[in-house]
Amino acid sequence: PVNIANALRICARYANLDIAEDFYGINLLPLATFAMEAYKDDPCK
């Protein structure tokens, strides 16, 4: 799990989440749904 989190963090940092989602078929919907709910009022600057 900790490697998965690191890998996705780097993908997000460089706006490359499509590597995981489109090219490797990783379902990122659970993460996106959770993030929008948990940080909905946070600009995450």
ModelCIF file with pLDDT and N, C-alpha, C, O atoms, coordinates in Angstrom:
data_MODEL
#
_entry.id   MODEL 
#
_entity.id                         1 
_entity.type                       polymer 
_entity.pdbx_number_of_molecules   1 
#
_entity_poly.entity_id                      1 
_entity_poly.type                           'polypeptide(L)' 
_entity_poly.nstd_linkage                   no 
_entity_poly.nstd_monomer                   no 
_entity_poly.pdbx_seq_one_letter_code       PVNIANALRICARYANLDIAEDFYGINLLPLATFAMEAYKDDPCK 
_entity_poly.pdbx_seq_one_letter_code_can   PVNIANALRICARYANLDIAEDFYGINLLPLATFAMEAYKDDPCK 
_entity_poly.pdbx_strand_id                 A 
#
loop_
_entity_poly_seq.entity_id 
_entity_poly_seq.num 
_entity_poly_seq.mon_id 
_entity_poly_seq.hetero 
1 1  PRO n 
1 2  VAL n 
1 3  ASN n 
1 4  ILE n 
1 5  ALA n 
1 6  ASN n 
1 7  ALA n 
1 8  LEU n 
1 9  ARG n 
1 10 ILE n 
1 11 CYS n 
1 12 ALA n 
1 13 ARG n 
1 14 TYR n 
1 15 ALA n 
1 16 ASN n 
1 17 LEU n 
1 18 ASP n 
1 19 ILE n 
1 20 ALA n 
1 21 GLU n 
1 22 ASP n 
1 23 PHE n 
1 24 TYR n 
1 25 GLY n 
1 26 ILE n 
1 27 ASN n 
1 28 LEU n 
1 29 LEU n 
1 30 PRO n 
1 31 LEU n 
1 32 ALA n 
1 33 THR n 
1 34 PHE n 
1 35 ALA n 
1 36 MET n 
1 37 GLU n 
1 38 ALA n 
1 39 TYR n 
1 40 LYS n 
1 41 ASP n 
1 42 ASP n 
1 43 PRO n 
1 44 CYS n 
1 45 LYS n 
#
_struct_asym.id          A 
_struct_asym.entity_id   1 
#
loop_
_ma_qa_metric.id 
_ma_qa_metric.mode 
_ma_qa_metric.name 
_ma_qa_metric.software_group_id 
_ma_qa_metric.type 
1 global pLDDT . pLDDT 
2 local  pLDDT . pLDDT 
#
_ma_qa_metric_global.metric_id      1 
_ma_qa_metric_global.metric_value   96.11 
_ma_qa_metric_global.model_id       1 
_ma_qa_metric_global.ordinal_id     1 
#
loop_
_ma_qa_metric_local.label_asym_id 
_ma_qa_metric_local.label_comp_id 
_ma_qa_metric_local.label_seq_id 
_ma_qa_metric_local.metric_id 
_ma_qa_metric_local.metric_value 
_ma_qa_metric_local.model_id 
_ma_qa_metric_local.ordinal_id 
A PRO 1  2 98.00 1 1  
A VAL 2  2 98.00 1 2  
A ASN 3  2 98.00 1 3  
A ILE 4  2 98.00 1 4  
A ALA 5  2 98.00 1 5  
A ASN 6  2 97.00 1 6  
A ALA 7  2 97.00 1 7  
A LEU 8  2 98.00 1 8  
A ARG 9  2 97.00 1 9  
A ILE 10 2 96.00 1 10 
A CYS 11 2 96.00 1 11 
A ALA 12 2 96.00 1 12 
A ARG 13 2 95.00 1 13 
A TYR 14 2 93.00 1 14 
A ALA 15 2 93.00 1 15 
A ASN 16 2 92.00 1 16 
A LEU 17 2 95.00 1 17 
A ASP 18 2 93.00 1 18 
A ILE 19 2 95.00 1 19 
A ALA 20 2 96.00 1 20 
A GLU 21 2 95.00 1 21 
A ASP 22 2 95.00 1 22 
A PHE 23 2 96.00 1 23 
A TYR 24 2 97.00 1 24 
A GLY 25 2 97.00 1 25 
A ILE 26 2 97.00 1 26 
A ASN 27 2 97.00 1 27 
A LEU 28 2 98.00 1 28 
A LEU 29 2 97.00 1 29 
A PRO 30 2 97.00 1 30 
A LEU 31 2 98.00 1 31 
A ALA 32 2 97.00 1 32 
A THR 33 2 97.00 1 33 
A PHE 34 2 98.00 1 34 
A ALA 35 2 97.00 1 35 
A MET 36 2 97.00 1 36 
A GLU 37 2 97.00 1 37 
A ALA 38 2 97.00 1 38 
A TYR 39 2 96.00 1 39 
A LYS 40 2 93.00 1 40 
A ASP 41 2 91.00 1 41 
A ASP 42 2 96.00 1 42 
A PRO 43 2 95.00 1 43 
A CYS 44 2 96.00 1 44 
A LYS 45 2 95.00 1 45 
#
loop_
_atom_site.group_PDB 
_atom_site.id 
_atom_site.type_symbol 
_atom_site.label_atom_id 
_atom_site.label_alt_id 
_atom_site.label_comp_id 
_atom_site.label_asym_id 
_atom_site.label_entity_id 
_atom_site.label_seq_id 
_atom_site.pdbx_PDB_ins_code 
_atom_site.Cartn_x 
_atom_site.Cartn_y 
_atom_site.Cartn_z 
_atom_site.occupancy 
_atom_site.B_iso_or_equiv 
_atom_site.pdbx_formal_charge 
_atom_site.auth_seq_id 
_atom_site.auth_comp_id 
_atom_site.auth_asym_id 
_atom_site.auth_atom_id 
_atom_site.pdbx_PDB_model_num 
ATOM 1   N N  . PRO A 1 1  ? 0.801   -1.236 0.000   1.00 98.00 ? 1  PRO A N  1 
ATOM 2   C CA . PRO A 1 1  ? 0.000   0.000  0.000   1.00 98.00 ? 1  PRO A CA 1 
ATOM 3   C C  . PRO A 1 1  ? 0.831   1.281  0.000   1.00 98.00 ? 1  PRO A C  1 
ATOM 4   O O  . PRO A 1 1  ? 0.472   2.245  -0.676  1.00 98.00 ? 1  PRO A O  1 
ATOM 5   N N  . VAL A 1 2  ? 1.934   1.307  0.747   1.00 98.00 ? 2  VAL A N  1 
ATOM 6   C CA . VAL A 1 2  ? 2.720   2.545  0.840   1.00 98.00 ? 2  VAL A CA 1 
ATOM 7   C C  . VAL A 1 2  ? 3.414   2.848  -0.493  1.00 98.00 ? 2  VAL A C  1 
ATOM 8   O O  . VAL A 1 2  ? 3.591   4.016  -0.838  1.00 98.00 ? 2  VAL A O  1 
ATOM 9   N N  . ASN A 1 3  ? 3.804   1.828  -1.237  1.00 98.00 ? 3  ASN A N  1 
ATOM 10  C CA . ASN A 1 3  ? 4.356   2.057  -2.576  1.00 98.00 ? 3  ASN A CA 1 
ATOM 11  C C  . ASN A 1 3  ? 3.291   2.584  -3.522  1.00 98.00 ? 3  ASN A C  1 
ATOM 12  O O  . ASN A 1 3  ? 3.554   3.466  -4.339  1.00 98.00 ? 3  ASN A O  1 
ATOM 13  N N  . ILE A 1 4  ? 2.089   2.038  -3.404  1.00 98.00 ? 4  ILE A N  1 
ATOM 14  C CA . ILE A 1 4  ? 0.970   2.497  -4.240  1.00 98.00 ? 4  ILE A CA 1 
ATOM 15  C C  . ILE A 1 4  ? 0.696   3.977  -3.982  1.00 98.00 ? 4  ILE A C  1 
ATOM 16  O O  . ILE A 1 4  ? 0.527   4.757  -4.918  1.00 98.00 ? 4  ILE A O  1 
ATOM 17  N N  . ALA A 1 5  ? 0.654   4.356  -2.702  1.00 98.00 ? 5  ALA A N  1 
ATOM 18  C CA . ALA A 1 5  ? 0.394   5.751  -2.351  1.00 98.00 ? 5  ALA A CA 1 
ATOM 19  C C  . ALA A 1 5  ? 1.487   6.665  -2.901  1.00 98.00 ? 5  ALA A C  1 
ATOM 20  O O  . ALA A 1 5  ? 1.189   7.733  -3.436  1.00 98.00 ? 5  ALA A O  1 
ATOM 21  N N  . ASN A 1 6  ? 2.752   6.251  -2.772  1.00 97.00 ? 6  ASN A N  1 
ATOM 22  C CA . ASN A 1 6  ? 3.869   7.043  -3.294  1.00 97.00 ? 6  ASN A CA 1 
ATOM 23  C C  . ASN A 1 6  ? 3.781   7.198  -4.808  1.00 97.00 ? 6  ASN A C  1 
ATOM 24  O O  . ASN A 1 6  ? 3.962   8.294  -5.338  1.00 97.00 ? 6  ASN A O  1 
ATOM 25  N N  . ALA A 1 7  ? 3.501   6.091  -5.502  1.00 97.00 ? 7  ALA A N  1 
ATOM 26  C CA . ALA A 1 7  ? 3.433   6.113  -6.965  1.00 97.00 ? 7  ALA A CA 1 
ATOM 27  C C  . ALA A 1 7  ? 2.322   7.056  -7.443  1.00 97.00 ? 7  ALA A C  1 
ATOM 28  O O  . ALA A 1 7  ? 2.521   7.834  -8.376  1.00 97.00 ? 7  ALA A O  1 
ATOM 29  N N  . LEU A 1 8  ? 1.158   6.981  -6.800  1.00 98.00 ? 8  LEU A N  1 
ATOM 30  C CA . LEU A 1 8  ? 0.044   7.840  -7.201  1.00 98.00 ? 8  LEU A CA 1 
ATOM 31  C C  . LEU A 1 8  ? 0.302   9.295  -6.821  1.00 98.00 ? 8  LEU A C  1 
ATOM 32  O O  . LEU A 1 8  ? -0.114  10.206 -7.536  1.00 98.00 ? 8  LEU A O  1 
ATOM 33  N N  . ARG A 1 9  ? 0.979   9.515  -5.707  1.00 97.00 ? 9  ARG A N  1 
ATOM 34  C CA . ARG A 1 9  ? 1.325   10.893 -5.312  1.00 97.00 ? 9  ARG A CA 1 
ATOM 35  C C  . ARG A 1 9  ? 2.193   11.549 -6.394  1.00 97.00 ? 9  ARG A C  1 
ATOM 36  O O  . ARG A 1 9  ? 1.966   12.700 -6.766  1.00 97.00 ? 9  ARG A O  1 
ATOM 37  N N  . ILE A 1 10 ? 3.187   10.807 -6.891  1.00 96.00 ? 10 ILE A N  1 
ATOM 38  C CA . ILE A 1 10 ? 4.072   11.357 -7.923  1.00 96.00 ? 10 ILE A CA 1 
ATOM 39  C C  . ILE A 1 10 ? 3.298   11.592 -9.221  1.00 96.00 ? 10 ILE A C  1 
ATOM 40  O O  . ILE A 1 10 ? 3.503   12.599 -9.898  1.00 96.00 ? 10 ILE A O  1 
ATOM 41  N N  . CYS A 1 11 ? 2.414   10.663 -9.560  1.00 96.00 ? 11 CYS A N  1 
ATOM 42  C CA . CYS A 1 11 ? 1.567   10.859 -10.753 1.00 96.00 ? 11 CYS A CA 1 
ATOM 43  C C  . CYS A 1 11 ? 0.739   12.134 -10.618 1.00 96.00 ? 11 CYS A C  1 
ATOM 44  O O  . CYS A 1 11 ? 0.628   12.916 -11.563 1.00 96.00 ? 11 CYS A O  1 
ATOM 45  N N  . ALA A 1 12 ? 0.158   12.335 -9.432  1.00 96.00 ? 12 ALA A N  1 
ATOM 46  C CA . ALA A 1 12 ? -0.653  13.533 -9.201  1.00 96.00 ? 12 ALA A CA 1 
ATOM 47  C C  . ALA A 1 12 ? 0.213   14.788 -9.233  1.00 96.00 ? 12 ALA A C  1 
ATOM 48  O O  . ALA A 1 12 ? -0.202  15.814 -9.771  1.00 96.00 ? 12 ALA A O  1 
ATOM 49  N N  . ARG A 1 13 ? 1.393   14.716 -8.671  1.00 95.00 ? 13 ARG A N  1 
ATOM 50  C CA . ARG A 1 13 ? 2.304   15.872 -8.606  1.00 95.00 ? 13 ARG A CA 1 
ATOM 51  C C  . ARG A 1 13 ? 2.633   16.398 -10.004 1.00 95.00 ? 13 ARG A C  1 
ATOM 52  O O  . ARG A 1 13 ? 2.758   17.605 -10.211 1.00 95.00 ? 13 ARG A O  1 
ATOM 53  N N  . TYR A 1 14 ? 2.773   15.471 -10.964 1.00 93.00 ? 14 TYR A N  1 
ATOM 54  C CA . TYR A 1 14 ? 3.128   15.866 -12.329 1.00 93.00 ? 14 TYR A CA 1 
ATOM 55  C C  . TYR A 1 14 ? 1.947   15.781 -13.296 1.00 93.00 ? 14 TYR A C  1 
ATOM 56  O O  . TYR A 1 14 ? 2.128   15.748 -14.513 1.00 93.00 ? 14 TYR A O  1 
ATOM 57  N N  . ALA A 1 15 ? 0.733   15.747 -12.737 1.00 93.00 ? 15 ALA A N  1 
ATOM 58  C CA . ALA A 1 15 ? -0.497  15.685 -13.549 1.00 93.00 ? 15 ALA A CA 1 
ATOM 59  C C  . ALA A 1 15 ? -0.464  14.518 -14.528 1.00 93.00 ? 15 ALA A C  1 
ATOM 60  O O  . ALA A 1 15 ? -0.889  14.639 -15.677 1.00 93.00 ? 15 ALA A O  1 
ATOM 61  N N  . ASN A 1 16 ? 0.045   13.394 -14.057 1.00 92.00 ? 16 ASN A N  1 
ATOM 62  C CA . ASN A 1 16 ? 0.163   12.202 -14.907 1.00 92.00 ? 16 ASN A CA 1 
ATOM 63  C C  . ASN A 1 16 ? -0.686  11.040 -14.386 1.00 92.00 ? 16 ASN A C  1 
ATOM 64  O O  . ASN A 1 16 ? -0.305  9.880  -14.544 1.00 92.00 ? 16 ASN A O  1 
ATOM 65  N N  . LEU A 1 17 ? -1.809  11.333 -13.778 1.00 95.00 ? 17 LEU A N  1 
ATOM 66  C CA . LEU A 1 17 ? -2.649  10.262 -13.239 1.00 95.00 ? 17 LEU A CA 1 
ATOM 67  C C  . LEU A 1 17 ? -3.185  9.341  -14.329 1.00 95.00 ? 17 LEU A C  1 
ATOM 68  O O  . LEU A 1 17 ? -3.612  8.220  -14.053 1.00 95.00 ? 17 LEU A O  1 
ATOM 69  N N  . ASP A 1 18 ? -3.159  9.832  -15.588 1.00 93.00 ? 18 ASP A N  1 
ATOM 70  C CA . ASP A 1 18 ? -3.636  8.970  -16.674 1.00 93.00 ? 18 ASP A CA 1 
ATOM 71  C C  . ASP A 1 18 ? -2.711  7.765  -16.884 1.00 93.00 ? 18 ASP A C  1 
ATOM 72  O O  . ASP A 1 18 ? -3.131  6.766  -17.468 1.00 93.00 ? 18 ASP A O  1 
ATOM 73  N N  . ILE A 1 19 ? -1.450  7.845  -16.414 1.00 95.00 ? 19 ILE A N  1 
ATOM 74  C CA . ILE A 1 19 ? -0.561  6.668  -16.479 1.00 95.00 ? 19 ILE A CA 1 
ATOM 75  C C  . ILE A 1 19 ? -1.207  5.514  -15.737 1.00 95.00 ? 19 ILE A C  1 
ATOM 76  O O  . ILE A 1 19 ? -1.274  4.389  -16.232 1.00 95.00 ? 19 ILE A O  1 
ATOM 77  N N  . ALA A 1 20 ? -1.686  5.823  -14.523 1.00 96.00 ? 20 ALA A N  1 
ATOM 78  C CA . ALA A 1 20 ? -2.319  4.779  -13.716 1.00 96.00 ? 20 ALA A CA 1 
ATOM 79  C C  . ALA A 1 20 ? -3.704  4.432  -14.256 1.00 96.00 ? 20 ALA A C  1 
ATOM 80  O O  . ALA A 1 20 ? -4.033  3.257  -14.415 1.00 96.00 ? 20 ALA A O  1 
ATOM 81  N N  . GLU A 1 21 ? -4.511  5.446  -14.535 1.00 95.00 ? 21 GLU A N  1 
ATOM 82  C CA . GLU A 1 21 ? -5.922  5.204  -14.852 1.00 95.00 ? 21 GLU A CA 1 
ATOM 83  C C  . GLU A 1 21 ? -6.136  4.701  -16.280 1.00 95.00 ? 21 GLU A C  1 
ATOM 84  O O  . GLU A 1 21 ? -6.788  3.677  -16.487 1.00 95.00 ? 21 GLU A O  1 
ATOM 85  N N  . ASP A 1 22 ? -5.590  5.416  -17.263 1.00 95.00 ? 22 ASP A N  1 
ATOM 86  C CA . ASP A 1 22 ? -5.864  5.078  -18.658 1.00 95.00 ? 22 ASP A CA 1 
ATOM 87  C C  . ASP A 1 22 ? -4.972  3.963  -19.190 1.00 95.00 ? 22 ASP A C  1 
ATOM 88  O O  . ASP A 1 22 ? -5.434  3.095  -19.930 1.00 95.00 ? 22 ASP A O  1 
ATOM 89  N N  . PHE A 1 23 ? -3.691  3.985  -18.812 1.00 96.00 ? 23 PHE A N  1 
ATOM 90  C CA . PHE A 1 23 ? -2.739  3.055  -19.418 1.00 96.00 ? 23 PHE A CA 1 
ATOM 91  C C  . PHE A 1 23 ? -2.569  1.760  -18.624 1.00 96.00 ? 23 PHE A C  1 
ATOM 92  O O  . PHE A 1 23 ? -2.265  0.714  -19.197 1.00 96.00 ? 23 PHE A O  1 
ATOM 93  N N  . TYR A 1 24 ? -2.764  1.832  -17.308 1.00 97.00 ? 24 TYR A N  1 
ATOM 94  C CA . TYR A 1 24 ? -2.674  0.612  -16.497 1.00 97.00 ? 24 TYR A CA 1 
ATOM 95  C C  . TYR A 1 24 ? -4.026  0.161  -15.948 1.00 97.00 ? 24 TYR A C  1 
ATOM 96  O O  . TYR A 1 24 ? -4.117  -0.862 -15.269 1.00 97.00 ? 24 TYR A O  1 
ATOM 97  N N  . GLY A 1 25 ? -5.069  0.926  -16.242 1.00 97.00 ? 25 GLY A N  1 
ATOM 98  C CA . GLY A 1 25 ? -6.417  0.503  -15.860 1.00 97.00 ? 25 GLY A CA 1 
ATOM 99  C C  . GLY A 1 25 ? -6.678  0.512  -14.360 1.00 97.00 ? 25 GLY A C  1 
ATOM 100 O O  . GLY A 1 25 ? -7.494  -0.266 -13.867 1.00 97.00 ? 25 GLY A O  1 
ATOM 101 N N  . ILE A 1 26 ? -5.985  1.395  -13.628 1.00 97.00 ? 26 ILE A N  1 
ATOM 102 C CA . ILE A 1 26 ? -6.205  1.504  -12.178 1.00 97.00 ? 26 ILE A CA 1 
ATOM 103 C C  . ILE A 1 26 ? -7.441  2.365  -11.937 1.00 97.00 ? 26 ILE A C  1 
ATOM 104 O O  . ILE A 1 26 ? -7.550  3.462  -12.484 1.00 97.00 ? 26 ILE A O  1 
ATOM 105 N N  . ASN A 1 27 ? -8.358  1.881  -11.131 1.00 97.00 ? 27 ASN A N  1 
ATOM 106 C CA . ASN A 1 27 ? -9.590  2.610  -10.838 1.00 97.00 ? 27 ASN A CA 1 
ATOM 107 C C  . ASN A 1 27 ? -9.312  3.683  -9.782  1.00 97.00 ? 27 ASN A C  1 
ATOM 108 O O  . ASN A 1 27 ? -9.123  3.375  -8.605  1.00 97.00 ? 27 ASN A O  1 
ATOM 109 N N  . LEU A 1 28 ? -9.289  4.949  -10.219 1.00 98.00 ? 28 LEU A N  1 
ATOM 110 C CA . LEU A 1 28 ? -9.010  6.054  -9.293  1.00 98.00 ? 28 LEU A CA 1 
ATOM 111 C C  . LEU A 1 28 ? -10.278 6.744  -8.798  1.00 98.00 ? 28 LEU A C  1 
ATOM 112 O O  . LEU A 1 28 ? -10.205 7.732  -8.066  1.00 98.00 ? 28 LEU A O  1 
ATOM 113 N N  . LEU A 1 29 ? -11.436 6.229  -9.195  1.00 97.00 ? 29 LEU A N  1 
ATOM 114 C CA . LEU A 1 29 ? -12.693 6.853  -8.774  1.00 97.00 ? 29 LEU A CA 1 
ATOM 115 C C  . LEU A 1 29 ? -12.848 6.866  -7.248  1.00 97.00 ? 29 LEU A C  1 
ATOM 116 O O  . LEU A 1 29 ? -13.265 7.884  -6.697  1.00 97.00 ? 29 LEU A O  1 
ATOM 117 N N  . PRO A 1 30 ? -12.526 5.767  -6.545  1.00 97.00 ? 30 PRO A N  1 
ATOM 118 C CA . PRO A 1 30 ? -12.647 5.808  -5.075  1.00 97.00 ? 30 PRO A CA 1 
ATOM 119 C C  . PRO A 1 30 ? -11.781 6.898  -4.448  1.00 97.00 ? 30 PRO A C  1 
ATOM 120 O O  . PRO A 1 30 ? -12.208 7.557  -3.499  1.00 97.00 ? 30 PRO A O  1 
ATOM 121 N N  . LEU A 1 31 ? -10.570 7.094  -4.971  1.00 98.00 ? 31 LEU A N  1 
ATOM 122 C CA . LEU A 1 31 ? -9.691  8.138  -4.442  1.00 98.00 ? 31 LEU A CA 1 
ATOM 123 C C  . LEU A 1 31 ? -10.248 9.522  -4.754  1.00 98.00 ? 31 LEU A C  1 
ATOM 124 O O  . LEU A 1 31 ? -10.243 10.405 -3.896  1.00 98.00 ? 31 LEU A O  1 
ATOM 125 N N  . ALA A 1 32 ? -10.726 9.710  -5.980  1.00 97.00 ? 32 ALA A N  1 
ATOM 126 C CA . ALA A 1 32 ? -11.270 11.011 -6.376  1.00 97.00 ? 32 ALA A CA 1 
ATOM 127 C C  . ALA A 1 32 ? -12.505 11.361 -5.548  1.00 97.00 ? 32 ALA A C  1 
ATOM 128 O O  . ALA A 1 32 ? -12.642 12.488 -5.071  1.00 97.00 ? 32 ALA A O  1 
ATOM 129 N N  . THR A 1 33 ? -13.394 10.397 -5.384  1.00 97.00 ? 33 THR A N  1 
ATOM 130 C CA . THR A 1 33 ? -14.618 10.617 -4.601  1.00 97.00 ? 33 THR A CA 1 
ATOM 131 C C  . THR A 1 33 ? -14.281 10.968 -3.158  1.00 97.00 ? 33 THR A C  1 
ATOM 132 O O  . THR A 1 33 ? -14.848 11.899 -2.586  1.00 97.00 ? 33 THR A O  1 
ATOM 133 N N  . PHE A 1 34 ? -13.347 10.208 -2.572  1.00 98.00 ? 34 PHE A N  1 
ATOM 134 C CA . PHE A 1 34 ? -12.925 10.472 -1.197  1.00 98.00 ? 34 PHE A CA 1 
ATOM 135 C C  . PHE A 1 34 ? -12.293 11.857 -1.077  1.00 98.00 ? 34 PHE A C  1 
ATOM 136 O O  . PHE A 1 34 ? -12.602 12.598 -0.144  1.00 98.00 ? 34 PHE A O  1 
ATOM 137 N N  . ALA A 1 35 ? -11.407 12.212 -2.014  1.00 97.00 ? 35 ALA A N  1 
ATOM 138 C CA . ALA A 1 35 ? -10.699 13.493 -1.956  1.00 97.00 ? 35 ALA A CA 1 
ATOM 139 C C  . ALA A 1 35 ? -11.670 14.666 -2.046  1.00 97.00 ? 35 ALA A C  1 
ATOM 140 O O  . ALA A 1 35 ? -11.525 15.650 -1.320  1.00 97.00 ? 35 ALA A O  1 
ATOM 141 N N  . MET A 1 36 ? -12.662 14.565 -2.938  1.00 97.00 ? 36 MET A N  1 
ATOM 142 C CA . MET A 1 36 ? -13.637 15.656 -3.090  1.00 97.00 ? 36 MET A CA 1 
ATOM 143 C C  . MET A 1 36 ? -14.473 15.842 -1.825  1.00 97.00 ? 36 MET A C  1 
ATOM 144 O O  . MET A 1 36 ? -14.867 16.957 -1.483  1.00 97.00 ? 36 MET A O  1 
ATOM 145 N N  . GLU A 1 37 ? -14.732 14.735 -1.142  1.00 97.00 ? 37 GLU A N  1 
ATOM 146 C CA . GLU A 1 37 ? -15.519 14.817 0.086   1.00 97.00 ? 37 GLU A CA 1 
ATOM 147 C C  . GLU A 1 37 ? -14.676 15.312 1.256   1.00 97.00 ? 37 GLU A C  1 
ATOM 148 O O  . GLU A 1 37 ? -15.092 16.210 1.990   1.00 97.00 ? 37 GLU A O  1 
ATOM 149 N N  . ALA A 1 38 ? -13.491 14.727 1.431   1.00 97.00 ? 38 ALA A N  1 
ATOM 150 C CA . ALA A 1 38 ? -12.651 15.059 2.587   1.00 97.00 ? 38 ALA A CA 1 
ATOM 151 C C  . ALA A 1 38 ? -12.052 16.462 2.491   1.00 97.00 ? 38 ALA A C  1 
ATOM 152 O O  . ALA A 1 38 ? -11.850 17.122 3.510   1.00 97.00 ? 38 ALA A O  1 
ATOM 153 N N  . TYR A 1 39 ? -11.768 16.921 1.268   1.00 96.00 ? 39 TYR A N  1 
ATOM 154 C CA . TYR A 1 39 ? -11.078 18.205 1.088   1.00 96.00 ? 39 TYR A CA 1 
ATOM 155 C C  . TYR A 1 39 ? -11.906 19.172 0.229   1.00 96.00 ? 39 TYR A C  1 
ATOM 156 O O  . TYR A 1 39 ? -11.357 19.990 -0.509  1.00 96.00 ? 39 TYR A O  1 
ATOM 157 N N  . LYS A 1 40 ? -13.235 19.060 0.339   1.00 93.00 ? 40 LYS A N  1 
ATOM 158 C CA . LYS A 1 40 ? -14.114 19.830 -0.548  1.00 93.00 ? 40 LYS A CA 1 
ATOM 159 C C  . LYS A 1 40 ? -13.943 21.345 -0.398  1.00 93.00 ? 40 LYS A C  1 
ATOM 160 O O  . LYS A 1 40 ? -14.051 22.079 -1.380  1.00 93.00 ? 40 LYS A O  1 
ATOM 161 N N  . ASP A 1 41 ? -13.679 21.816 0.824   1.00 91.00 ? 41 ASP A N  1 
ATOM 162 C CA . ASP A 1 41 ? -13.519 23.260 1.035   1.00 91.00 ? 41 ASP A CA 1 
ATOM 163 C C  . ASP A 1 41 ? -12.055 23.675 1.120   1.00 91.00 ? 41 ASP A C  1 
ATOM 164 O O  . ASP A 1 41 ? -11.750 24.814 1.473   1.00 91.00 ? 41 ASP A O  1 
ATOM 165 N N  . ASP A 1 42 ? -11.160 22.762 0.801   1.00 96.00 ? 42 ASP A N  1 
ATOM 166 C CA . ASP A 1 42 ? -9.716  23.008 0.908   1.00 96.00 ? 42 ASP A CA 1 
ATOM 167 C C  . ASP A 1 42 ? -9.153  23.273 -0.494  1.00 96.00 ? 42 ASP A C  1 
ATOM 168 O O  . ASP A 1 42 ? -9.266  22.407 -1.362  1.00 96.00 ? 42 ASP A O  1 
ATOM 169 N N  . PRO A 1 43 ? -8.556  24.432 -0.738  1.00 95.00 ? 43 PRO A N  1 
ATOM 170 C CA . PRO A 1 43 ? -7.982  24.694 -2.076  1.00 95.00 ? 43 PRO A CA 1 
ATOM 171 C C  . PRO A 1 43 ? -6.752  23.831 -2.376  1.00 95.00 ? 43 PRO A C  1 
ATOM 172 O O  . PRO A 1 43 ? -6.338  23.711 -3.529  1.00 95.00 ? 43 PRO A O  1 
ATOM 173 N N  . CYS A 1 44 ? -6.174  23.232 -1.328  1.00 96.00 ? 44 CYS A N  1 
ATOM 174 C CA . CYS A 1 44 ? -5.002  22.344 -1.491  1.00 96.00 ? 44 CYS A CA 1 
ATOM 175 C C  . CYS A 1 44 ? -3.917  23.019 -2.332  1.00 96.00 ? 44 CYS A C  1 
ATOM 176 O O  . CYS A 1 44 ? -3.335  22.420 -3.237  1.00 96.00 ? 44 CYS A O  1 
ATOM 177 N N  . LYS A 1 45 ? -3.666  24.295 -1.996  1.00 95.00 ? 45 LYS A N  1 
ATOM 178 C CA . LYS A 1 45 ? -2.742  25.120 -2.776  1.00 95.00 ? 45 LYS A CA 1 
ATOM 179 C C  . LYS A 1 45 ? -1.357  24.491 -2.919  1.00 95.00 ? 45 LYS A C  1 
ATOM 180 O O  . LYS A 1 45 ? -0.476  25.075 -3.550  1.00 95.00 ? 45 LYS A O  1 
#
